[in-house]
């Protein structure tokens, strides 16, 4: 089978899976009115969690394809109030991670703005925060100015990594789930003209730093075929992006609202 035929078939299958997940979401929302007891609501929470996890898997596959396919739009850049973007994202992360009993702190510098793909940068942060939260240690997000750039740092206080493990984070293809998130974040940073760095040693956690150039203008990358705007079935992308670390109770019907 020709590569283009395989890729087209894969894309069609992912679209069909999206449709099935949308129907599952609609059915779950319909069942909410009948879930009046605690046991029924617990079942619905588990269903919602599974839907979010499947949406995350599909979304990451679509994103990986979008980031590596030369015929796809890679960035949709626009003027971005980075301070507002970072503050809004940090507050949503804080609320979500509280449900997993993960201590989350954040610091966003005022007056930051530039031209970037806000959705892509959000995905970058979600990948790094998801990895950090798996250490079950305090997680911190900082968005600070650099030299002609903005520095987005996600740090944890977990067991840390030795030199070999640190190097393995950036291996291609990714060797583990953590490596997949790092690979996606790295590609997003590079497409903005920036880079992703990691710093760690055993016993002292991991610091992941994305350096994104602050530019007044940046030409969009390959505008021939805009990517499909599937969304996450009306669910908060933070809940979907962290569904692999959040407990089922975070997906209770009244929480998803």
C-alpha atoms as a PDB file:
ATOM      1  CA  UNK A   1       0.000   0.000   0.000  1.00  0.00           C
ATOM      2  CA  UNK A   2       1.295   3.424  -0.933  1.00  0.00           C
ATOM      3  CA  UNK A   3       2.231   5.663   1.986  1.00  0.00           C
ATOM      4  CA  UNK A   4      -0.310   8.325   1.066  1.00  0.00           C
ATOM      5  CA  UNK A   5      -3.049   5.693   0.965  1.00  0.00           C
ATOM      6  CA  UNK A   6      -2.018   4.352   4.380  1.00  0.00           C
ATOM      7  CA  UNK A   7      -1.930   7.836   5.894  1.00  0.00           C
ATOM      8  CA  UNK A   8      -5.328   8.677   4.391  1.00  0.00           C
ATOM      9  CA  UNK A   9      -6.795   5.456   5.771  1.00  0.00           C
ATOM     10  CA  UNK A  10      -5.293   6.128   9.208  1.00  0.00           C
ATOM     11  CA  UNK A  11      -6.734   9.632   9.221  1.00  0.00           C
ATOM     12  CA  UNK A  12     -10.168   8.339   8.269  1.00  0.00           C
ATOM     13  CA  UNK A  13     -10.082   5.749  11.046  1.00  0.00           C
ATOM     14  CA  UNK A  14      -9.122   8.372  13.616  1.00  0.00           C
ATOM     15  CA  UNK A  15     -12.015  10.552  12.428  1.00  0.00           C
ATOM     16  CA  UNK A  16     -14.401   7.614  12.843  1.00  0.00           C
ATOM     17  CA  UNK A  17     -13.051   6.971  16.322  1.00  0.00           C
ATOM     18  CA  UNK A  18     -13.666  10.637  17.138  1.00  0.00           C
ATOM     19  CA  UNK A  19     -17.278  10.251  16.050  1.00  0.00           C
ATOM     20  CA  UNK A  20     -17.753   7.185  18.235  1.00  0.00           C
ATOM     21  CA  UNK A  21     -16.262   8.992  21.221  1.00  0.00           C
ATOM     22  CA  UNK A  22     -18.579  11.938  20.592  1.00  0.00           C
ATOM     23  CA  UNK A  23     -21.544   9.562  20.701  1.00  0.00           C
ATOM     24  CA  UNK A  24     -20.263   8.039  23.938  1.00  0.00           C
ATOM     25  CA  UNK A  25     -19.934  11.513  25.435  1.00  0.00           C
ATOM     26  CA  UNK A  26     -23.483  12.386  24.395  1.00  0.00           C
ATOM     27  CA  UNK A  27     -24.810   9.124  25.843  1.00  0.00           C
ATOM     28  CA  UNK A  28     -22.985   9.735  29.114  1.00  0.00           C
ATOM     29  CA  UNK A  29     -24.441  13.223  29.361  1.00  0.00           C
ATOM     30  CA  UNK A  30     -27.926  11.830  28.703  1.00  0.00           C
ATOM     31  CA  UNK A  31     -27.505   9.237  31.445  1.00  0.00           C
ATOM     32  CA  UNK A  32     -26.596  11.924  33.984  1.00  0.00           C
ATOM     33  CA  UNK A  33     -30.271  12.697  34.618  1.00  0.00           C
ATOM     34  CA  UNK A  34     -30.840   9.094  35.708  1.00  0.00           C
ATOM     35  CA  UNK A  35     -27.675   8.729  37.801  1.00  0.00           C
ATOM     36  CA  UNK A  36     -29.197   9.763  41.110  1.00  0.00           C
ATOM     37  CA  UNK A  37     -27.318   7.412  43.427  1.00  0.00           C
ATOM     38  CA  UNK A  38     -23.636   7.412  44.303  1.00  0.00           C
ATOM     39  CA  UNK A  39     -22.886   4.068  42.649  1.00  0.00           C
ATOM     40  CA  UNK A  40     -24.362   5.112  39.315  1.00  0.00           C
ATOM     41  CA  UNK A  41     -22.478   8.384  39.353  1.00  0.00           C
ATOM     42  CA  UNK A  42     -19.251   6.507  40.104  1.00  0.00           C
ATOM     43  CA  UNK A  43     -19.853   4.353  37.017  1.00  0.00           C
ATOM     44  CA  UNK A  44     -20.430   7.458  34.924  1.00  0.00           C
ATOM     45  CA  UNK A  45     -17.218   8.998  36.257  1.00  0.00           C
ATOM     46  CA  UNK A  46     -15.288   5.937  35.115  1.00  0.00           C
ATOM     47  CA  UNK A  47     -16.931   6.077  31.676  1.00  0.00           C
ATOM     48  CA  UNK A  48     -16.091   9.779  31.365  1.00  0.00           C
ATOM     49  CA  UNK A  49     -12.499   9.094  32.429  1.00  0.00           C
ATOM     50  CA  UNK A  50     -12.150   6.380  29.774  1.00  0.00           C
ATOM     51  CA  UNK A  51     -13.581   8.658  27.088  1.00  0.00           C
ATOM     52  CA  UNK A  52     -11.118  11.400  28.038  1.00  0.00           C
ATOM     53  CA  UNK A  53      -8.216   8.963  27.956  1.00  0.00           C
ATOM     54  CA  UNK A  54      -9.212   7.744  24.514  1.00  0.00           C
ATOM     55  CA  UNK A  55      -9.595  11.337  23.326  1.00  0.00           C
ATOM     56  CA  UNK A  56      -6.089  11.996  24.617  1.00  0.00           C
ATOM     57  CA  UNK A  57      -4.669   9.016  22.743  1.00  0.00           C
ATOM     58  CA  UNK A  58      -6.382   9.999  19.497  1.00  0.00           C
ATOM     59  CA  UNK A  59      -5.384  13.628  19.929  1.00  0.00           C
ATOM     60  CA  UNK A  60      -1.733  12.744  20.456  1.00  0.00           C
ATOM     61  CA  UNK A  61      -1.710  10.528  17.358  1.00  0.00           C
ATOM     62  CA  UNK A  62      -3.280  13.337  15.334  1.00  0.00           C
ATOM     63  CA  UNK A  63      -0.808  15.826  16.733  1.00  0.00           C
ATOM     64  CA  UNK A  64       2.190  13.597  16.029  1.00  0.00           C
ATOM     65  CA  UNK A  65       0.969  13.216  12.461  1.00  0.00           C
ATOM     66  CA  UNK A  66       0.399  16.942  12.121  1.00  0.00           C
ATOM     67  CA  UNK A  67       3.852  17.770  13.482  1.00  0.00           C
ATOM     68  CA  UNK A  68       5.713  15.382  11.213  1.00  0.00           C
ATOM     69  CA  UNK A  69       3.720  15.554   7.969  1.00  0.00           C
ATOM     70  CA  UNK A  70       5.236  18.141   5.624  1.00  0.00           C
ATOM     71  CA  UNK A  71       1.870  18.630   3.917  1.00  0.00           C
ATOM     72  CA  UNK A  72       0.062  19.577   7.130  1.00  0.00           C
ATOM     73  CA  UNK A  73      -0.236  23.012   8.687  1.00  0.00           C
ATOM     74  CA  UNK A  74       2.148  22.885  11.592  1.00  0.00           C
ATOM     75  CA  UNK A  75       1.438  26.190  13.303  1.00  0.00           C
ATOM     76  CA  UNK A  76      -1.466  28.600  13.387  1.00  0.00           C
ATOM     77  CA  UNK A  77       0.279  31.629  14.760  1.00  0.00           C
ATOM     78  CA  UNK A  78      -1.436  34.804  15.932  1.00  0.00           C
ATOM     79  CA  UNK A  79      -0.721  37.626  18.386  1.00  0.00           C
ATOM     80  CA  UNK A  80      -0.878  36.132  21.865  1.00  0.00           C
ATOM     81  CA  UNK A  81      -1.171  37.737  25.286  1.00  0.00           C
ATOM     82  CA  UNK A  82       1.171  35.230  26.896  1.00  0.00           C
ATOM     83  CA  UNK A  83       0.570  36.490  30.414  1.00  0.00           C
ATOM     84  CA  UNK A  84      -3.174  36.020  30.101  1.00  0.00           C
ATOM     85  CA  UNK A  85      -2.721  32.687  28.323  1.00  0.00           C
ATOM     86  CA  UNK A  86      -0.344  31.406  31.005  1.00  0.00           C
ATOM     87  CA  UNK A  87      -2.488  32.612  33.900  1.00  0.00           C
ATOM     88  CA  UNK A  88      -5.665  31.029  32.525  1.00  0.00           C
ATOM     89  CA  UNK A  89      -3.904  27.736  31.827  1.00  0.00           C
ATOM     90  CA  UNK A  90      -2.226  27.680  35.242  1.00  0.00           C
ATOM     91  CA  UNK A  91      -5.528  28.189  37.050  1.00  0.00           C
ATOM     92  CA  UNK A  92      -7.148  25.341  35.117  1.00  0.00           C
ATOM     93  CA  UNK A  93      -4.180  23.085  35.855  1.00  0.00           C
ATOM     94  CA  UNK A  94      -4.310  24.005  39.528  1.00  0.00           C
ATOM     95  CA  UNK A  95      -7.980  23.080  39.783  1.00  0.00           C
ATOM     96  CA  UNK A  96      -7.556  19.799  37.913  1.00  0.00           C
ATOM     97  CA  UNK A  97      -4.464  18.625  39.793  1.00  0.00           C
ATOM     98  CA  UNK A  98      -6.089  19.380  43.145  1.00  0.00           C
ATOM     99  CA  UNK A  99      -8.395  16.464  42.378  1.00  0.00           C
ATOM    100  CA  UNK A 100      -5.367  14.192  42.148  1.00  0.00           C
ATOM    101  CA  UNK A 101      -3.882  15.559  45.385  1.00  0.00           C
ATOM    102  CA  UNK A 102      -0.924  16.944  43.433  1.00  0.00           C
ATOM    103  CA  UNK A 103       0.477  20.178  44.821  1.00  0.00           C
ATOM    104  CA  UNK A 104       0.669  22.655  41.945  1.00  0.00           C
ATOM    105  CA  UNK A 105       2.099  26.161  42.100  1.00  0.00           C
ATOM    106  CA  UNK A 106       2.661  28.634  39.338  1.00  0.00           C
ATOM    107  CA  UNK A 107       4.189  31.978  38.507  1.00  0.00           C
ATOM    108  CA  UNK A 108       3.498  33.964  35.339  1.00  0.00           C
ATOM    109  CA  UNK A 109       5.331  37.202  34.670  1.00  0.00           C
ATOM    110  CA  UNK A 110       3.282  40.271  33.661  1.00  0.00           C
ATOM    111  CA  UNK A 111       3.519  42.043  30.343  1.00  0.00           C
ATOM    112  CA  UNK A 112       4.439  39.074  28.151  1.00  0.00           C
ATOM    113  CA  UNK A 113       3.169  39.016  24.581  1.00  0.00           C
ATOM    114  CA  UNK A 114       4.262  37.715  21.217  1.00  0.00           C
ATOM    115  CA  UNK A 115       3.198  35.788  18.155  1.00  0.00           C
ATOM    116  CA  UNK A 116       2.641  32.079  18.694  1.00  0.00           C
ATOM    117  CA  UNK A 117       0.250  29.170  18.356  1.00  0.00           C
ATOM    118  CA  UNK A 118      -1.524  29.287  21.722  1.00  0.00           C
ATOM    119  CA  UNK A 119      -3.152  25.893  21.294  1.00  0.00           C
ATOM    120  CA  UNK A 120       0.171  24.252  20.529  1.00  0.00           C
ATOM    121  CA  UNK A 121       1.864  25.895  23.511  1.00  0.00           C
ATOM    122  CA  UNK A 122      -0.956  24.657  25.738  1.00  0.00           C
ATOM    123  CA  UNK A 123      -0.346  21.133  24.451  1.00  0.00           C
ATOM    124  CA  UNK A 124       3.363  21.529  25.174  1.00  0.00           C
ATOM    125  CA  UNK A 125       2.629  22.459  28.788  1.00  0.00           C
ATOM    126  CA  UNK A 126       0.076  19.653  29.204  1.00  0.00           C
ATOM    127  CA  UNK A 127       2.587  17.050  28.044  1.00  0.00           C
ATOM    128  CA  UNK A 128       5.242  18.280  30.462  1.00  0.00           C
ATOM    129  CA  UNK A 129       2.853  18.696  33.408  1.00  0.00           C
ATOM    130  CA  UNK A 130       1.434  15.210  32.824  1.00  0.00           C
ATOM    131  CA  UNK A 131       4.934  13.739  33.037  1.00  0.00           C
ATOM    132  CA  UNK A 132       5.753  15.761  36.152  1.00  0.00           C
ATOM    133  CA  UNK A 133       2.507  14.830  37.921  1.00  0.00           C
ATOM    134  CA  UNK A 134       3.294  11.139  37.538  1.00  0.00           C
ATOM    135  CA  UNK A 135       6.095  11.581  40.091  1.00  0.00           C
ATOM    136  CA  UNK A 136       3.429  12.259  42.763  1.00  0.00           C
ATOM    137  CA  UNK A 137       5.517  15.207  43.926  1.00  0.00           C
ATOM    138  CA  UNK A 138       4.863  18.967  43.918  1.00  0.00           C
ATOM    139  CA  UNK A 139       4.764  20.447  40.413  1.00  0.00           C
ATOM    140  CA  UNK A 140       5.504  24.040  39.458  1.00  0.00           C
ATOM    141  CA  UNK A 141       4.881  25.981  36.247  1.00  0.00           C
ATOM    142  CA  UNK A 142       6.684  29.238  35.574  1.00  0.00           C
ATOM    143  CA  UNK A 143       6.367  31.519  32.562  1.00  0.00           C
ATOM    144  CA  UNK A 144       9.120  34.113  32.620  1.00  0.00           C
ATOM    145  CA  UNK A 145      10.836  36.443  30.149  1.00  0.00           C
ATOM    146  CA  UNK A 146      14.197  35.417  28.716  1.00  0.00           C
ATOM    147  CA  UNK A 147      16.504  37.201  26.312  1.00  0.00           C
ATOM    148  CA  UNK A 148      14.157  37.938  23.447  1.00  0.00           C
ATOM    149  CA  UNK A 149      12.111  34.921  24.460  1.00  0.00           C
ATOM    150  CA  UNK A 150       9.705  33.465  26.969  1.00  0.00           C
ATOM    151  CA  UNK A 151      10.837  30.571  29.176  1.00  0.00           C
ATOM    152  CA  UNK A 152       8.180  28.023  30.096  1.00  0.00           C
ATOM    153  CA  UNK A 153       9.436  25.795  32.903  1.00  0.00           C
ATOM    154  CA  UNK A 154       7.739  22.741  34.387  1.00  0.00           C
ATOM    155  CA  UNK A 155       9.516  21.274  37.391  1.00  0.00           C
ATOM    156  CA  UNK A 156       8.846  18.487  39.845  1.00  0.00           C
ATOM    157  CA  UNK A 157      10.447  17.236  43.042  1.00  0.00           C
ATOM    158  CA  UNK A 158      10.422  13.565  42.145  1.00  0.00           C
ATOM    159  CA  UNK A 159      13.278  11.056  42.172  1.00  0.00           C
ATOM    160  CA  UNK A 160      15.020  12.754  39.273  1.00  0.00           C
ATOM    161  CA  UNK A 161      16.946  11.189  36.390  1.00  0.00           C
ATOM    162  CA  UNK A 162      20.552  10.147  35.946  1.00  0.00           C
ATOM    163  CA  UNK A 163      22.542  11.170  32.863  1.00  0.00           C
ATOM    164  CA  UNK A 164      21.545   8.090  30.880  1.00  0.00           C
ATOM    165  CA  UNK A 165      17.845   8.493  31.657  1.00  0.00           C
ATOM    166  CA  UNK A 166      18.033  12.194  30.827  1.00  0.00           C
ATOM    167  CA  UNK A 167      19.570  11.433  27.446  1.00  0.00           C
ATOM    168  CA  UNK A 168      16.933   8.774  26.756  1.00  0.00           C
ATOM    169  CA  UNK A 169      14.181  11.406  27.096  1.00  0.00           C
ATOM    170  CA  UNK A 170      15.145  12.829  23.715  1.00  0.00           C
ATOM    171  CA  UNK A 171      15.670   9.564  21.861  1.00  0.00           C
ATOM    172  CA  UNK A 172      13.816   9.121  18.601  1.00  0.00           C
ATOM    173  CA  UNK A 173      11.550   7.270  18.368  1.00  0.00           C
ATOM    174  CA  UNK A 174      10.407   7.718  21.991  1.00  0.00           C
ATOM    175  CA  UNK A 175      11.078   4.673  24.138  1.00  0.00           C
ATOM    176  CA  UNK A 176       8.445   5.249  26.822  1.00  0.00           C
ATOM    177  CA  UNK A 177       5.238   7.170  27.524  1.00  0.00           C
ATOM    178  CA  UNK A 178       7.265   9.951  29.130  1.00  0.00           C
ATOM    179  CA  UNK A 179       9.435  10.163  26.024  1.00  0.00           C
ATOM    180  CA  UNK A 180       6.374  10.558  23.789  1.00  0.00           C
ATOM    181  CA  UNK A 181       5.298  13.653  25.709  1.00  0.00           C
ATOM    182  CA  UNK A 182       8.803  15.098  25.587  1.00  0.00           C
ATOM    183  CA  UNK A 183       9.039  14.420  21.844  1.00  0.00           C
ATOM    184  CA  UNK A 184       5.776  16.259  21.167  1.00  0.00           C
ATOM    185  CA  UNK A 185       6.783  19.184  23.394  1.00  0.00           C
ATOM    186  CA  UNK A 186      10.196  19.373  21.746  1.00  0.00           C
ATOM    187  CA  UNK A 187       8.716  19.450  18.255  1.00  0.00           C
ATOM    188  CA  UNK A 188       6.264  22.196  19.238  1.00  0.00           C
ATOM    189  CA  UNK A 189       9.082  24.297  20.699  1.00  0.00           C
ATOM    190  CA  UNK A 190      11.231  23.808  17.601  1.00  0.00           C
ATOM    191  CA  UNK A 191       8.419  24.791  15.252  1.00  0.00           C
ATOM    192  CA  UNK A 192       8.234  28.108  17.129  1.00  0.00           C
ATOM    193  CA  UNK A 193      11.952  28.557  16.483  1.00  0.00           C
ATOM    194  CA  UNK A 194      12.775  27.580  20.058  1.00  0.00           C
ATOM    195  CA  UNK A 195      14.061  24.564  21.939  1.00  0.00           C
ATOM    196  CA  UNK A 196      13.308  22.253  24.836  1.00  0.00           C
ATOM    197  CA  UNK A 197      15.900  21.532  27.507  1.00  0.00           C
ATOM    198  CA  UNK A 198      15.980  19.182  30.486  1.00  0.00           C
ATOM    199  CA  UNK A 199      17.937  19.410  33.703  1.00  0.00           C
ATOM    200  CA  UNK A 200      17.972  16.794  36.434  1.00  0.00           C
ATOM    201  CA  UNK A 201      19.978  14.670  38.782  1.00  0.00           C
ATOM    202  CA  UNK A 202      18.979  11.822  41.021  1.00  0.00           C
ATOM    203  CA  UNK A 203      17.061  12.912  44.093  1.00  0.00           C
ATOM    204  CA  UNK A 204      16.405  16.450  42.869  1.00  0.00           C
ATOM    205  CA  UNK A 205      13.513  16.201  40.440  1.00  0.00           C
ATOM    206  CA  UNK A 206      13.369  17.275  36.798  1.00  0.00           C
ATOM    207  CA  UNK A 207      13.225  20.739  35.251  1.00  0.00           C
ATOM    208  CA  UNK A 208      11.890  20.927  31.696  1.00  0.00           C
ATOM    209  CA  UNK A 209      12.425  24.315  30.039  1.00  0.00           C
ATOM    210  CA  UNK A 210      10.922  25.406  26.720  1.00  0.00           C
ATOM    211  CA  UNK A 211      12.463  28.558  25.274  1.00  0.00           C
ATOM    212  CA  UNK A 212      10.095  30.237  22.813  1.00  0.00           C
ATOM    213  CA  UNK A 213      11.295  33.310  20.875  1.00  0.00           C
ATOM    214  CA  UNK A 214       9.186  36.434  21.347  1.00  0.00           C
ATOM    215  CA  UNK A 215       8.553  37.863  17.925  1.00  0.00           C
ATOM    216  CA  UNK A 216       6.419  40.683  16.632  1.00  0.00           C
ATOM    217  CA  UNK A 217       5.692  38.626  13.551  1.00  0.00           C
ATOM    218  CA  UNK A 218       6.240  35.072  12.426  1.00  0.00           C
ATOM    219  CA  UNK A 219       5.203  33.666   9.067  1.00  0.00           C
ATOM    220  CA  UNK A 220       2.771  30.775   9.359  1.00  0.00           C
ATOM    221  CA  UNK A 221       4.103  27.375   8.370  1.00  0.00           C
ATOM    222  CA  UNK A 222       2.557  25.811   5.230  1.00  0.00           C
ATOM    223  CA  UNK A 223      -0.981  27.135   5.023  1.00  0.00           C
ATOM    224  CA  UNK A 224      -2.175  24.831   2.235  1.00  0.00           C
ATOM    225  CA  UNK A 225      -4.273  22.401   4.299  1.00  0.00           C
ATOM    226  CA  UNK A 226      -5.672  23.620   7.626  1.00  0.00           C
ATOM    227  CA  UNK A 227      -5.878  20.884  10.275  1.00  0.00           C
ATOM    228  CA  UNK A 228      -9.317  19.612  11.328  1.00  0.00           C
ATOM    229  CA  UNK A 229     -10.715  21.361  14.385  1.00  0.00           C
ATOM    230  CA  UNK A 230     -12.144  18.361  16.226  1.00  0.00           C
ATOM    231  CA  UNK A 231     -11.978  19.695  19.753  1.00  0.00           C
ATOM    232  CA  UNK A 232     -12.513  17.457  22.762  1.00  0.00           C
ATOM    233  CA  UNK A 233     -16.286  16.920  22.698  1.00  0.00           C
ATOM    234  CA  UNK A 234     -16.817  20.114  24.673  1.00  0.00           C
ATOM    235  CA  UNK A 235     -14.562  18.888  27.488  1.00  0.00           C
ATOM    236  CA  UNK A 236     -11.800  20.991  28.987  1.00  0.00           C
ATOM    237  CA  UNK A 237      -8.548  20.117  27.155  1.00  0.00           C
ATOM    238  CA  UNK A 238      -6.817  20.180  30.553  1.00  0.00           C
ATOM    239  CA  UNK A 239      -8.982  17.318  31.815  1.00  0.00           C
ATOM    240  CA  UNK A 240      -8.336  15.404  28.609  1.00  0.00           C
ATOM    241  CA  UNK A 241      -4.613  16.154  28.637  1.00  0.00           C
ATOM    242  CA  UNK A 242      -4.213  15.061  32.263  1.00  0.00           C
ATOM    243  CA  UNK A 243      -6.663  12.156  32.122  1.00  0.00           C
ATOM    244  CA  UNK A 244      -3.807   9.686  32.510  1.00  0.00           C
ATOM    245  CA  UNK A 245      -2.961  11.068  35.967  1.00  0.00           C
ATOM    246  CA  UNK A 246      -6.331  12.251  37.301  1.00  0.00           C
ATOM    247  CA  UNK A 247      -8.563   9.895  39.335  1.00  0.00           C
ATOM    248  CA  UNK A 248     -12.048   8.892  38.181  1.00  0.00           C
ATOM    249  CA  UNK A 249     -13.676  11.312  40.634  1.00  0.00           C
ATOM    250  CA  UNK A 250     -12.236  14.201  38.604  1.00  0.00           C
ATOM    251  CA  UNK A 251     -14.600  13.172  35.791  1.00  0.00           C
ATOM    252  CA  UNK A 252     -17.821  13.138  37.809  1.00  0.00           C
ATOM    253  CA  UNK A 253     -20.809  14.459  35.835  1.00  0.00           C
ATOM    254  CA  UNK A 254     -21.138  17.614  37.944  1.00  0.00           C
ATOM    255  CA  UNK A 255     -17.401  18.298  37.488  1.00  0.00           C
ATOM    256  CA  UNK A 256     -17.522  18.088  33.701  1.00  0.00           C
ATOM    257  CA  UNK A 257     -20.576  20.304  33.686  1.00  0.00           C
END
